[in-house]
Amino acid sequence: MDESTTSLASAIGERVRSERQTRRLTLDQLAEAAGVSRRMVVNVEQGLVNPSVGTLLRISDALGVGLPALVEPPRAKPVKITRNGDGAALWTGASGGRGVLVAGTEKPDVVELWDWTLEPGESHRSEAHSSGTKELLQVRQGAVTISVADQTVVLADGDAMTFPGDVDHSYTNPGGQAARFTLAVFEPGVGSGHMPEAPNG
């Protein structure tokens, strides 16, 4: 991991540990709720891995917080500015593409704003998010093939679409040049249907 990735992994680890301890969950309880191994939770908390977006979503859902809460520092002010280049790069493709979380809101109705770049031939597959999740996408450069469940569409520069995020979906760059798109993800009711906090004692 490079320096920025290491720094982000460390920050995510601290927040996961803090959220878990606030809820008085053991490592095993969080791992079971998230559907990941105990070793993965330990590695995430210690900042030893750069977890996939899917893994982070499972952990954030199990904690009852939105993904932005794990990658952005707590803020006391209602306005938060993310300067160009300061977003959290949570996905990196084999050819250098990136999925960068540039802004997000807090629970219960979490909205994430992403800046994606896919180099030629790169693809990102996403597991189904929590029930009711919606995604909005607009291509800003190149072409992107979007597969949602059993439907596939190709979007060109300037095209946009809305689709359910609670089914398996993927984004692929079939072209010969880099493709760039903006993605907004709406996840309603985060924390409302998750594990209750452990009782005192």
Protein backbone atom coordinates (compact mmCIF):
# COMPACT_ATOMS: atom_id res chain seq x y z
CA MET A 1 0.00 0.00 0.00
CA ASP A 2 1.25 3.50 -0.77
CA GLU A 3 1.35 6.24 1.85
CA SER A 4 -2.13 7.66 1.15
CA THR A 5 -3.68 4.17 1.09
CA THR A 6 -1.93 3.26 4.34
CA SER A 7 -3.15 6.47 5.97
CA LEU A 8 -6.72 5.83 4.83
CA ALA A 9 -6.61 2.18 5.99
CA SER A 10 -5.39 3.32 9.40
CA ALA A 11 -8.15 5.94 9.72
CA ILE A 12 -10.81 3.41 8.69
CA GLY A 13 -9.44 0.93 11.22
CA GLU A 14 -9.64 3.44 14.06
CA ARG A 15 -13.23 4.31 13.19
CA VAL A 16 -14.33 0.68 12.89
CA ARG A 17 -12.78 -0.08 16.28
CA SER A 18 -14.39 3.00 17.84
CA GLU A 19 -17.85 2.20 16.43
CA ARG A 20 -17.54 -1.45 17.50
CA GLN A 21 -16.46 -0.56 21.02
CA THR A 22 -19.21 2.07 21.34
CA ARG A 23 -21.70 -0.71 20.60
CA ARG A 24 -19.90 -3.11 22.97
CA LEU A 25 -19.50 -5.68 20.23
CA THR A 26 -16.73 -8.26 20.28
CA LEU A 27 -14.63 -8.89 17.19
CA ASP A 28 -16.51 -12.18 16.72
CA GLN A 29 -19.92 -10.49 16.98
CA LEU A 30 -19.04 -7.87 14.40
CA ALA A 31 -17.53 -10.47 12.07
CA GLU A 32 -20.66 -12.63 12.30
CA ALA A 33 -23.01 -9.67 11.75
CA ALA A 34 -20.98 -8.46 8.76
CA GLY A 35 -20.51 -11.91 7.24
CA VAL A 36 -16.72 -11.59 7.16
CA SER A 37 -13.99 -13.47 8.98
CA ARG A 38 -12.73 -12.42 12.41
CA ARG A 39 -9.26 -12.12 10.85
CA MET A 40 -10.62 -9.59 8.33
CA VAL A 41 -12.13 -7.45 11.11
CA VAL A 42 -8.83 -7.59 13.02
CA ASN A 43 -6.84 -6.64 9.91
CA VAL A 44 -9.23 -3.77 9.10
CA GLU A 45 -9.06 -2.41 12.67
CA GLN A 46 -5.27 -2.60 12.64
CA GLY A 47 -5.08 -0.88 9.24
CA LEU A 48 -3.22 -3.84 7.74
CA VAL A 49 -5.44 -4.25 4.68
CA ASN A 50 -7.08 -2.13 2.03
CA PRO A 51 -10.55 -3.74 2.24
CA SER A 52 -12.87 -3.91 -0.75
CA VAL A 53 -15.84 -1.58 -1.01
CA GLY A 54 -18.08 -4.61 -0.49
CA THR A 55 -16.32 -5.53 2.75
CA LEU A 56 -16.55 -1.96 4.04
CA LEU A 57 -20.27 -1.84 3.18
CA ARG A 58 -20.89 -5.10 5.08
CA ILE A 59 -19.01 -3.79 8.12
CA SER A 60 -20.69 -0.37 8.05
CA ASP A 61 -24.12 -2.01 7.70
CA ALA A 62 -23.39 -4.36 10.61
CA LEU A 63 -22.39 -1.35 12.73
CA GLY A 64 -25.52 0.53 11.67
CA VAL A 65 -23.60 3.45 10.20
CA GLY A 66 -23.15 4.59 6.62
CA LEU A 67 -19.96 4.00 4.66
CA PRO A 68 -19.03 7.72 4.83
CA ALA A 69 -18.87 7.45 8.65
CA LEU A 70 -15.98 4.99 8.29
CA VAL A 71 -13.92 7.00 5.83
CA GLU A 72 -14.57 10.61 6.81
CA PRO A 73 -13.53 12.21 10.11
CA PRO A 74 -16.38 13.30 12.38
CA ARG A 75 -17.40 16.88 11.71
CA ALA A 76 -18.90 19.42 14.06
CA LYS A 77 -19.89 21.87 11.32
CA PRO A 78 -22.84 21.33 8.96
CA VAL A 79 -20.74 22.22 5.91
CA LYS A 80 -17.88 19.98 4.82
CA ILE A 81 -15.70 20.69 1.81
CA THR A 82 -13.64 18.02 0.07
CA ARG A 83 -10.96 19.65 -2.01
CA ASN A 84 -9.89 18.21 -5.35
CA GLY A 85 -7.71 15.17 -4.67
CA ASP A 86 -8.78 14.79 -1.02
CA GLY A 87 -11.48 12.13 -1.45
CA ALA A 88 -11.14 8.59 -0.10
CA ALA A 89 -9.95 6.22 -2.86
CA LEU A 90 -11.74 3.01 -1.88
CA TRP A 91 -11.23 1.07 -5.12
CA THR A 92 -8.22 0.86 -7.41
CA GLY A 93 -8.29 -1.04 -10.69
CA ALA A 94 -5.49 -3.17 -12.11
CA SER A 95 -4.72 -0.49 -14.71
CA GLY A 96 -4.98 2.49 -12.37
CA GLY A 97 -8.69 3.27 -12.38
CA ARG A 98 -10.12 4.61 -9.12
CA GLY A 99 -13.36 4.83 -7.22
CA VAL A 100 -13.17 7.87 -4.93
CA LEU A 101 -15.77 8.69 -2.28
CA VAL A 102 -15.78 12.49 -2.37
CA ALA A 103 -18.73 13.31 -0.10
CA GLY A 104 -21.35 11.65 2.05
CA THR A 105 -24.10 12.31 4.53
CA GLU A 106 -24.73 10.73 7.92
CA LYS A 107 -27.35 8.12 8.83
CA PRO A 108 -30.19 7.33 8.77
CA ASP A 109 -30.61 8.26 5.07
CA VAL A 110 -27.08 8.08 3.71
CA VAL A 111 -26.11 9.59 0.38
CA GLU A 112 -22.66 8.93 -1.08
CA LEU A 113 -21.11 10.89 -3.95
CA TRP A 114 -18.40 9.08 -5.93
CA ASP A 115 -15.95 10.06 -8.68
CA TRP A 116 -15.07 6.98 -10.74
CA THR A 117 -12.42 6.48 -13.40
CA LEU A 118 -12.18 3.19 -15.30
CA GLU A 119 -9.21 2.63 -17.56
CA PRO A 120 -9.78 0.66 -20.80
CA GLY A 121 -10.95 -2.87 -20.05
CA GLU A 122 -11.43 -2.31 -16.32
CA SER A 123 -14.57 -3.45 -14.53
CA HIS A 124 -15.94 -3.11 -11.01
CA ARG A 125 -18.51 -5.61 -9.76
CA SER A 126 -20.66 -4.59 -6.81
CA GLU A 127 -22.65 -6.88 -4.57
CA ALA A 128 -26.24 -5.97 -3.83
CA HIS A 129 -26.42 -3.20 -1.22
CA SER A 130 -29.04 -3.02 1.52
CA SER A 131 -32.72 -3.08 0.57
CA GLY A 132 -34.01 0.16 -0.95
CA THR A 133 -30.62 1.43 -2.13
CA LYS A 134 -30.75 3.53 -5.31
CA GLU A 135 -27.91 4.64 -7.57
CA LEU A 136 -27.71 7.54 -10.01
CA LEU A 137 -24.87 7.67 -12.52
CA GLN A 138 -23.75 10.15 -15.18
CA VAL A 139 -20.90 9.52 -17.60
CA ARG A 140 -18.58 12.50 -17.91
CA GLN A 141 -16.03 11.02 -20.33
CA GLY A 142 -15.89 7.95 -22.57
CA ALA A 143 -18.40 5.11 -22.40
CA VAL A 144 -19.45 2.83 -19.56
CA THR A 145 -21.36 -0.46 -19.72
CA ILE A 146 -23.69 -0.87 -16.75
CA SER A 147 -25.10 -4.29 -15.86
CA VAL A 148 -27.95 -4.37 -13.34
CA ALA A 149 -29.26 -7.86 -12.53
CA ASP A 150 -30.02 -9.23 -16.04
CA GLN A 151 -30.11 -5.89 -17.89
CA THR A 152 -27.08 -4.31 -19.60
CA VAL A 153 -26.88 -0.81 -21.09
CA VAL A 154 -24.09 1.26 -22.61
CA LEU A 155 -23.88 4.93 -21.61
CA ALA A 156 -21.90 7.49 -23.61
CA ASP A 157 -20.49 10.85 -22.54
CA GLY A 158 -23.28 12.86 -20.91
CA ASP A 159 -25.73 9.96 -20.59
CA ALA A 160 -27.25 9.23 -17.17
CA MET A 161 -29.32 6.52 -15.54
CA THR A 162 -31.00 5.56 -12.28
CA PHE A 163 -31.08 1.97 -11.08
CA PRO A 164 -31.62 -0.16 -7.97
CA GLY A 165 -28.46 -0.75 -5.97
CA ASP A 166 -29.95 -3.61 -3.98
CA VAL A 167 -29.21 -6.12 -6.75
CA ASP A 168 -25.84 -7.21 -8.13
CA HIS A 169 -24.48 -4.66 -10.60
CA SER A 170 -21.26 -3.73 -12.38
CA TYR A 171 -19.55 -0.92 -14.26
CA THR A 172 -17.23 -1.72 -17.17
CA ASN A 173 -15.17 0.38 -19.58
CA PRO A 174 -15.32 -1.42 -22.95
CA GLY A 175 -13.58 1.35 -24.87
CA GLY A 176 -10.02 2.26 -25.70
CA GLN A 177 -9.83 5.40 -23.57
CA ALA A 178 -10.39 6.17 -19.90
CA ALA A 179 -14.02 6.53 -18.83
CA ARG A 180 -15.10 8.79 -16.00
CA PHE A 181 -18.45 8.97 -14.24
CA THR A 182 -20.12 10.49 -11.23
CA LEU A 183 -22.11 8.13 -9.03
CA ALA A 184 -24.57 8.97 -6.26
CA VAL A 185 -25.72 6.19 -3.93
CA PHE A 186 -28.78 6.59 -1.68
CA GLU A 187 -29.07 4.07 1.17
CA PRO A 188 -32.20 4.72 3.26
CA GLY A 189 -32.70 3.81 6.89
CA VAL A 190 -29.13 2.89 7.76
CA GLY A 191 -29.00 1.58 11.31
CA SER A 192 -32.73 1.03 11.64
CA GLY A 193 -32.80 -2.69 11.00
CA HIS A 194 -29.45 -3.81 12.27
CA MET A 195 -28.14 -5.49 15.38
CA PRO A 196 -29.21 -3.79 18.60
CA GLU A 197 -26.48 -2.50 20.82
CA ALA A 198 -25.27 -5.07 23.32
CA PRO A 199 -26.82 -4.70 26.79
CA ASN A 200 -24.77 -3.24 29.59
CA GLY A 201 -22.76 -5.67 31.65
